[in-house]
Amino acid sequence: MRKLLGLVLIVVTVFSCDKKKGVRILPESAGPINNIAIVIDNELWENTVGETLRNVLTTPVDGLPQEEPLFSLRQIPSQVFTGFAKENRNVLKIEQGEADFKIARDVHARPQKVILVRGKDIAEIKSQIEANTDKIISGFKAEDIREKQRQSRKSLYNASKIEEGLNINIEFPTTYRITNTIAEEKDKFYWIKKDIPTGYTNILLYELPITAINKNDSLVSQIIKVRDSIGKKYIGGPTDGSYMATDKAYAPHLYEIILDNKPTIEVKGIWDVNGAFMSGPFITYFIEDKINKRFIVAEGFAYAPNVSKRNHVFELESIIKSIKLN
């Protein structure tokens, strides 16, 4: 009885302190990755405002062999946005009123991203959406990356072998395994792999001298050359002489981004195997490490025939974006 009374006293004290400090106890958010709950009245959703939202938020993901939307959308009428509905992790609220655009975190749940778009009429709401499209997309994508990385941390693989070999930190879950041979480890080439019901997902990690990429020349052709040489050396196909290479029928998408506060070349495209009916999407990151005069190269690729690949590639991206250079 004394222990029970002591526990009650502690709980009451904690809640009283939180109340005095203005700290709110928020429920845990919910919702699948790459999904957005759009809080909008039916009338706006069914007219050109809804059409604008669908146009900008369901554009096809770059680098996939078939069209898949950037986000899956779920409309929630304003009057039913109560209770558990407020605990969605990604919430986009569309309202009529004085023009406004706001981004907030952990409003009704934690972790959560809530974006508000407001305009006095249909034309102004659409204008606000179009003007802030990049902020909306990057805001929700960053939240999903954080959530995916948070989920991975629940059961992390001991990646000390990779981290010591390449002098980096990387986080990936125990559902992956390292598939290296002794020769590959000697070359500081690491291959991690996860089996999925329809195939597998993979990440390759290695380093190149800083002189391997000349930013004054065609980046796409140089990166294709690097990818194909690595595929020929390490990623053999099912028949003699076959190997993973860049599919020449699809022009890769190239972006210059910042990863771990370092200039990074991001490439998205399609891989295939000559002489075999095997192909799928890849994402490659060339992280510039000026201090050590090298590039850290991280590539994710998936083999998942006849199923959606968006979320598989997104998981690979979230793992690669956990990389920190020492």
Protein backbone atom coordinates (compact mmCIF):
# COMPACT_ATOMS: atom_id res chain seq x y z
CA MET A 1 0.00 0.00 0.00
CA ARG A 2 2.84 2.40 0.85
CA LYS A 3 4.51 1.66 -2.50
CA LEU A 4 1.22 2.28 -4.34
CA LEU A 5 0.66 5.59 -2.52
CA GLY A 6 4.26 6.58 -3.32
CA LEU A 7 3.75 5.83 -7.03
CA VAL A 8 0.52 7.87 -7.12
CA LEU A 9 2.30 10.76 -5.43
CA ILE A 10 5.12 10.67 -8.00
CA VAL A 11 2.67 10.64 -10.94
CA VAL A 12 0.66 13.52 -9.49
CA THR A 13 3.84 15.51 -8.86
CA VAL A 14 5.12 14.96 -12.42
CA PHE A 15 1.82 16.00 -13.99
CA SER A 16 1.60 19.01 -11.69
CA CYS A 17 5.13 20.09 -12.68
CA ASP A 18 4.33 19.61 -16.38
CA LYS A 19 1.18 21.72 -15.98
CA LYS A 20 3.06 24.50 -14.21
CA LYS A 21 5.76 24.51 -16.89
CA GLY A 22 3.21 24.44 -19.70
CA VAL A 23 4.38 21.04 -20.98
CA ARG A 24 1.70 19.05 -22.77
CA ILE A 25 1.59 15.27 -22.78
CA LEU A 26 0.95 14.36 -26.43
CA PRO A 27 -0.09 10.94 -27.78
CA GLU A 28 2.12 9.10 -30.26
CA SER A 29 1.33 9.95 -33.87
CA ALA A 30 0.22 7.33 -36.38
CA GLY A 31 0.01 6.86 -40.12
CA PRO A 32 1.91 5.05 -42.90
CA ILE A 33 5.04 6.50 -44.47
CA ASN A 34 4.45 8.72 -47.53
CA ASN A 35 0.83 9.40 -46.57
CA ILE A 36 -0.78 12.80 -45.95
CA ALA A 37 -4.07 13.45 -44.19
CA ILE A 38 -5.60 16.48 -45.90
CA VAL A 39 -8.09 18.34 -43.71
CA ILE A 40 -10.36 20.14 -46.16
CA ASP A 41 -14.07 20.67 -46.61
CA ASN A 42 -15.75 18.46 -49.20
CA GLU A 43 -16.68 21.44 -51.40
CA LEU A 44 -13.04 22.56 -51.73
CA TRP A 45 -11.75 18.99 -52.17
CA GLU A 46 -14.14 18.35 -55.02
CA ASN A 47 -13.35 21.55 -56.95
CA THR A 48 -10.13 22.95 -58.41
CA VAL A 49 -8.47 23.25 -54.97
CA GLY A 50 -8.55 19.46 -54.61
CA GLU A 51 -7.39 19.08 -58.19
CA THR A 52 -4.41 21.36 -57.49
CA LEU A 53 -3.48 19.38 -54.39
CA ARG A 54 -3.64 16.09 -56.27
CA ASN A 55 -1.54 17.51 -59.12
CA VAL A 56 1.33 18.66 -56.89
CA LEU A 57 1.31 15.91 -54.24
CA THR A 58 0.78 12.83 -56.40
CA THR A 59 3.34 13.57 -59.12
CA PRO A 60 5.25 10.41 -60.12
CA VAL A 61 8.37 9.60 -58.07
CA ASP A 62 11.54 10.05 -60.11
CA GLY A 63 13.55 6.96 -60.97
CA LEU A 64 10.90 4.25 -60.63
CA PRO A 65 10.18 1.82 -63.48
CA GLN A 66 6.44 2.49 -63.23
CA GLU A 67 4.46 5.55 -62.15
CA GLU A 68 3.88 5.75 -58.41
CA PRO A 69 2.66 8.87 -56.58
CA LEU A 70 4.94 10.94 -54.38
CA PHE A 71 2.36 10.73 -51.56
CA SER A 72 -0.85 8.82 -50.92
CA LEU A 73 -3.61 11.25 -49.91
CA ARG A 74 -6.54 10.85 -47.53
CA GLN A 75 -9.15 13.56 -47.26
CA ILE A 76 -10.69 14.35 -43.86
CA PRO A 77 -13.58 16.86 -43.74
CA SER A 78 -12.91 19.64 -41.24
CA GLN A 79 -15.92 18.72 -39.07
CA VAL A 80 -14.62 15.19 -38.43
CA PHE A 81 -11.01 16.17 -37.72
CA THR A 82 -11.30 15.20 -34.07
CA GLY A 83 -10.06 12.48 -31.71
CA PHE A 84 -7.76 9.93 -33.32
CA ALA A 85 -7.91 11.78 -36.66
CA LYS A 86 -5.76 14.51 -35.12
CA GLU A 87 -3.00 11.99 -34.42
CA ASN A 88 -1.99 11.55 -38.06
CA ARG A 89 1.73 12.18 -38.43
CA ASN A 90 1.43 14.27 -41.63
CA VAL A 91 -1.44 16.77 -41.69
CA LEU A 92 -2.17 19.38 -44.35
CA LYS A 93 -4.97 21.79 -43.37
CA ILE A 94 -6.70 23.83 -46.08
CA GLU A 95 -8.89 26.68 -44.83
CA GLN A 96 -10.70 29.75 -46.07
CA GLY A 97 -9.75 33.02 -44.38
CA GLU A 98 -6.98 35.57 -44.32
CA ALA A 99 -4.04 34.42 -46.46
CA ASP A 100 -1.52 32.42 -44.43
CA PHE A 101 1.04 29.63 -44.65
CA LYS A 102 2.46 27.95 -41.55
CA ILE A 103 4.48 24.86 -40.71
CA ALA A 104 4.32 23.46 -37.16
CA ARG A 105 5.54 20.34 -35.38
CA ASP A 106 3.94 18.24 -32.66
CA VAL A 107 0.62 20.12 -32.56
CA HIS A 108 -1.76 17.28 -31.68
CA ALA A 109 0.65 14.31 -31.42
CA ARG A 110 4.36 13.51 -31.44
CA PRO A 111 6.13 13.30 -33.84
CA GLN A 112 3.90 15.26 -36.20
CA LYS A 113 4.13 17.79 -39.02
CA VAL A 114 1.13 20.11 -39.53
CA ILE A 115 1.07 22.50 -42.48
CA LEU A 116 -1.63 25.18 -42.77
CA VAL A 117 -2.61 26.79 -46.09
CA ARG A 118 -5.24 29.52 -45.96
CA GLY A 119 -6.75 31.89 -48.51
CA LYS A 120 -9.78 34.13 -48.72
CA ASP A 121 -11.15 32.34 -51.80
CA ILE A 122 -10.47 29.44 -54.14
CA ALA A 123 -8.05 31.41 -56.32
CA GLU A 124 -5.96 32.56 -53.35
CA ILE A 125 -5.87 29.07 -51.77
CA LYS A 126 -4.63 27.60 -55.07
CA SER A 127 -2.04 30.37 -55.36
CA GLN A 128 -0.78 29.63 -51.83
CA ILE A 129 -0.52 25.91 -52.60
CA GLU A 130 1.42 26.50 -55.82
CA ALA A 131 3.73 29.11 -54.25
CA ASN A 132 4.61 26.80 -51.35
CA THR A 133 4.66 23.41 -53.10
CA ASP A 134 8.38 22.83 -52.51
CA LYS A 135 8.06 23.65 -48.79
CA ILE A 136 5.05 21.35 -48.42
CA ILE A 137 6.75 18.41 -50.16
CA SER A 138 10.12 18.84 -48.41
CA GLY A 139 8.42 19.33 -45.03
CA PHE A 140 6.46 16.09 -45.18
CA LYS A 141 9.31 14.14 -46.74
CA ALA A 142 11.72 15.26 -43.99
CA GLU A 143 9.19 14.16 -41.35
CA ASP A 144 8.88 10.73 -42.96
CA ILE A 145 12.68 10.35 -43.16
CA ARG A 146 12.92 11.13 -39.44
CA GLU A 147 10.16 8.65 -38.65
CA LYS A 148 11.72 5.88 -40.74
CA GLN A 149 15.09 6.45 -39.06
CA ARG A 150 13.39 6.44 -35.65
CA GLN A 151 11.83 3.06 -36.45
CA SER A 152 15.22 1.70 -37.54
CA ARG A 153 16.81 2.70 -34.22
CA LYS A 154 14.52 0.31 -32.37
CA SER A 155 16.71 -2.58 -33.56
CA LEU A 156 20.01 -1.41 -35.05
CA TYR A 157 22.51 -3.67 -36.77
CA ASN A 158 26.05 -3.49 -35.39
CA ALA A 159 27.73 -1.79 -38.36
CA SER A 160 31.15 -1.38 -36.72
CA LYS A 161 32.87 -3.30 -39.54
CA ILE A 162 31.59 -0.82 -42.12
CA GLU A 163 32.09 2.20 -39.88
CA GLU A 164 35.73 1.30 -39.15
CA GLY A 165 36.47 0.43 -42.77
CA LEU A 166 35.08 3.65 -44.25
CA ASN A 167 35.38 5.92 -41.19
CA ILE A 168 31.67 6.78 -41.22
CA ASN A 169 28.59 6.21 -39.07
CA ILE A 170 25.49 4.61 -40.59
CA GLU A 171 22.27 3.26 -39.07
CA PHE A 172 20.26 0.38 -40.51
CA PRO A 173 17.97 -2.19 -38.86
CA THR A 174 18.77 -5.84 -38.12
CA THR A 175 16.49 -6.92 -40.97
CA TYR A 176 19.56 -6.27 -43.17
CA ARG A 177 22.73 -8.34 -43.28
CA ILE A 178 26.25 -7.79 -44.63
CA THR A 179 27.02 -10.04 -47.62
CA ASN A 180 30.70 -9.15 -48.17
CA THR A 181 33.47 -11.53 -49.09
CA ILE A 182 36.99 -11.13 -47.67
CA ALA A 183 38.19 -9.68 -50.99
CA GLU A 184 35.42 -7.06 -50.96
CA GLU A 185 36.27 -6.01 -47.41
CA LYS A 186 39.89 -5.58 -48.46
CA ASP A 187 38.67 -3.21 -51.17
CA LYS A 188 36.54 -1.33 -48.60
CA PHE A 189 33.42 -2.35 -50.51
CA TYR A 190 30.39 -3.27 -48.41
CA TRP A 191 27.07 -4.76 -49.51
CA ILE A 192 24.12 -4.97 -47.15
CA LYS A 193 20.93 -6.74 -48.13
CA LYS A 194 17.39 -7.41 -46.92
CA ASP A 195 15.10 -10.13 -48.22
CA ILE A 196 11.51 -9.06 -48.92
CA PRO A 197 8.56 -11.24 -49.98
CA THR A 198 9.03 -10.45 -53.68
CA GLY A 199 12.80 -9.99 -53.89
CA TYR A 200 15.35 -7.95 -51.97
CA THR A 201 16.62 -4.44 -51.22
CA ASN A 202 20.31 -3.57 -51.10
CA ILE A 203 22.80 -0.86 -50.16
CA LEU A 204 26.35 -0.64 -51.50
CA LEU A 205 28.98 1.42 -49.67
CA TYR A 206 32.48 2.26 -50.89
CA GLU A 207 34.88 5.16 -51.38
CA LEU A 208 36.50 6.78 -54.41
CA PRO A 209 39.35 9.29 -54.70
CA ILE A 210 38.17 12.88 -55.04
CA THR A 211 39.63 12.90 -58.57
CA ALA A 212 37.19 10.16 -59.70
CA ILE A 213 34.52 12.78 -60.47
CA ASN A 214 35.27 15.97 -62.38
CA LYS A 215 32.44 18.43 -61.77
CA ASN A 216 33.40 20.37 -64.91
CA ASP A 217 32.49 17.43 -67.15
CA SER A 218 29.21 15.57 -67.68
CA LEU A 219 28.28 14.22 -64.25
CA VAL A 220 25.70 11.74 -65.58
CA SER A 221 28.13 9.98 -67.93
CA GLN A 222 30.85 9.84 -65.24
CA ILE A 223 28.47 8.39 -62.66
CA ILE A 224 27.11 5.80 -65.09
CA LYS A 225 30.71 4.76 -65.83
CA VAL A 226 31.45 4.38 -62.09
CA ARG A 227 28.20 2.46 -61.42
CA ASP A 228 28.74 0.06 -64.30
CA SER A 229 32.36 -0.65 -63.35
CA ILE A 230 31.31 -1.44 -59.75
CA GLY A 231 28.46 -3.63 -60.99
CA LYS A 232 30.80 -5.54 -63.31
CA LYS A 233 33.32 -6.13 -60.51
CA TYR A 234 30.98 -7.03 -57.65
CA ILE A 235 27.30 -7.50 -58.68
CA GLY A 236 27.20 -10.48 -60.99
CA GLY A 237 24.04 -11.61 -62.78
CA PRO A 238 22.48 -15.08 -63.08
CA THR A 239 24.41 -15.99 -66.26
CA ASP A 240 28.14 -16.01 -67.03
CA GLY A 241 29.43 -12.55 -67.85
CA SER A 242 26.22 -10.75 -66.83
CA TYR A 243 26.21 -8.00 -64.22
CA MET A 244 24.16 -5.10 -62.90
CA ALA A 245 24.46 -1.97 -65.03
CA THR A 246 22.62 1.29 -65.65
CA ASP A 247 19.63 0.89 -67.97
CA LYS A 248 20.51 3.03 -70.98
CA ALA A 249 16.85 3.34 -72.00
CA TYR A 250 16.09 5.63 -69.05
CA ALA A 251 17.98 8.89 -68.49
CA PRO A 252 18.92 9.11 -64.79
CA HIS A 253 17.70 12.08 -62.74
CA LEU A 254 20.53 14.07 -61.17
CA TYR A 255 20.38 16.58 -58.31
CA GLU A 256 22.93 18.46 -56.24
CA ILE A 257 21.99 18.34 -52.56
CA ILE A 258 23.53 18.64 -49.08
CA LEU A 259 23.96 15.49 -46.98
CA ASP A 260 25.67 15.62 -43.59
CA ASN A 261 26.49 19.28 -44.37
CA LYS A 262 28.54 18.17 -47.38
CA PRO A 263 28.00 18.70 -51.13
CA THR A 264 26.41 15.56 -52.52
CA ILE A 265 25.41 14.36 -55.98
CA GLU A 266 22.13 12.44 -55.91
CA VAL A 267 21.20 10.21 -58.86
CA LYS A 268 17.98 8.27 -59.41
CA GLY A 269 17.52 5.79 -62.24
CA ILE A 270 16.89 2.23 -63.39
CA TRP A 271 19.31 -0.69 -63.30
CA ASP A 272 19.13 -3.86 -65.34
CA VAL A 273 21.10 -7.05 -66.03
CA ASN A 274 22.16 -7.81 -69.59
CA GLY A 275 20.80 -11.14 -70.73
CA ALA A 276 18.37 -11.50 -67.83
CA PHE A 277 14.87 -10.22 -67.13
CA MET A 278 15.96 -8.34 -64.03
CA SER A 279 15.68 -4.62 -63.37
CA GLY A 280 14.60 -2.11 -60.78
CA PRO A 281 15.18 1.37 -59.34
CA PHE A 282 18.40 2.70 -57.82
CA ILE A 283 19.43 5.81 -55.90
CA THR A 284 23.11 6.76 -55.67
CA TYR A 285 24.76 9.41 -53.49
CA PHE A 286 28.30 10.73 -54.04
CA ILE A 287 29.15 12.49 -50.76
CA GLU A 288 32.12 14.83 -51.13
CA ASP A 289 34.63 14.44 -48.29
CA LYS A 290 37.11 17.24 -49.04
CA ILE A 291 39.09 16.76 -45.82
CA ASN A 292 39.97 13.16 -46.70
CA LYS A 293 40.08 13.84 -50.47
CA ARG A 294 37.50 11.21 -51.33
CA PHE A 295 33.89 10.53 -52.20
CA ILE A 296 31.84 8.23 -50.03
CA VAL A 297 29.47 6.46 -52.41
CA ALA A 298 26.21 5.01 -51.08
CA GLU A 299 23.82 3.28 -53.44
CA GLY A 300 20.47 1.69 -52.77
CA PHE A 301 18.76 -0.59 -55.27
CA ALA A 302 15.67 -2.76 -55.14
CA TYR A 303 14.52 -5.88 -56.93
CA ALA A 304 10.79 -6.26 -56.36
CA PRO A 305 8.99 -7.33 -59.55
CA ASN A 306 5.25 -6.79 -59.93
CA VAL A 307 4.83 -4.73 -56.73
CA SER A 308 5.05 -1.10 -55.67
CA LYS A 309 8.65 0.03 -55.11
CA ARG A 310 8.16 3.55 -53.72
CA ASN A 311 8.36 2.63 -50.05
CA HIS A 312 11.27 0.22 -50.56
CA VAL A 313 13.34 2.95 -52.21
CA PHE A 314 12.28 5.42 -49.54
CA GLU A 315 13.61 3.09 -46.83
CA LEU A 316 16.94 2.87 -48.66
CA GLU A 317 17.05 6.66 -48.87
CA SER A 318 16.36 7.03 -45.13
CA ILE A 319 19.23 4.65 -44.32
CA ILE A 320 21.68 6.41 -46.62
CA LYS A 321 20.69 9.80 -45.19
CA SER A 322 21.68 8.58 -41.72
CA ILE A 323 25.34 8.57 -42.83
CA LYS A 324 27.71 10.80 -40.88
CA LEU A 325 31.34 11.19 -41.96
CA ASN A 326 33.96 11.10 -39.20
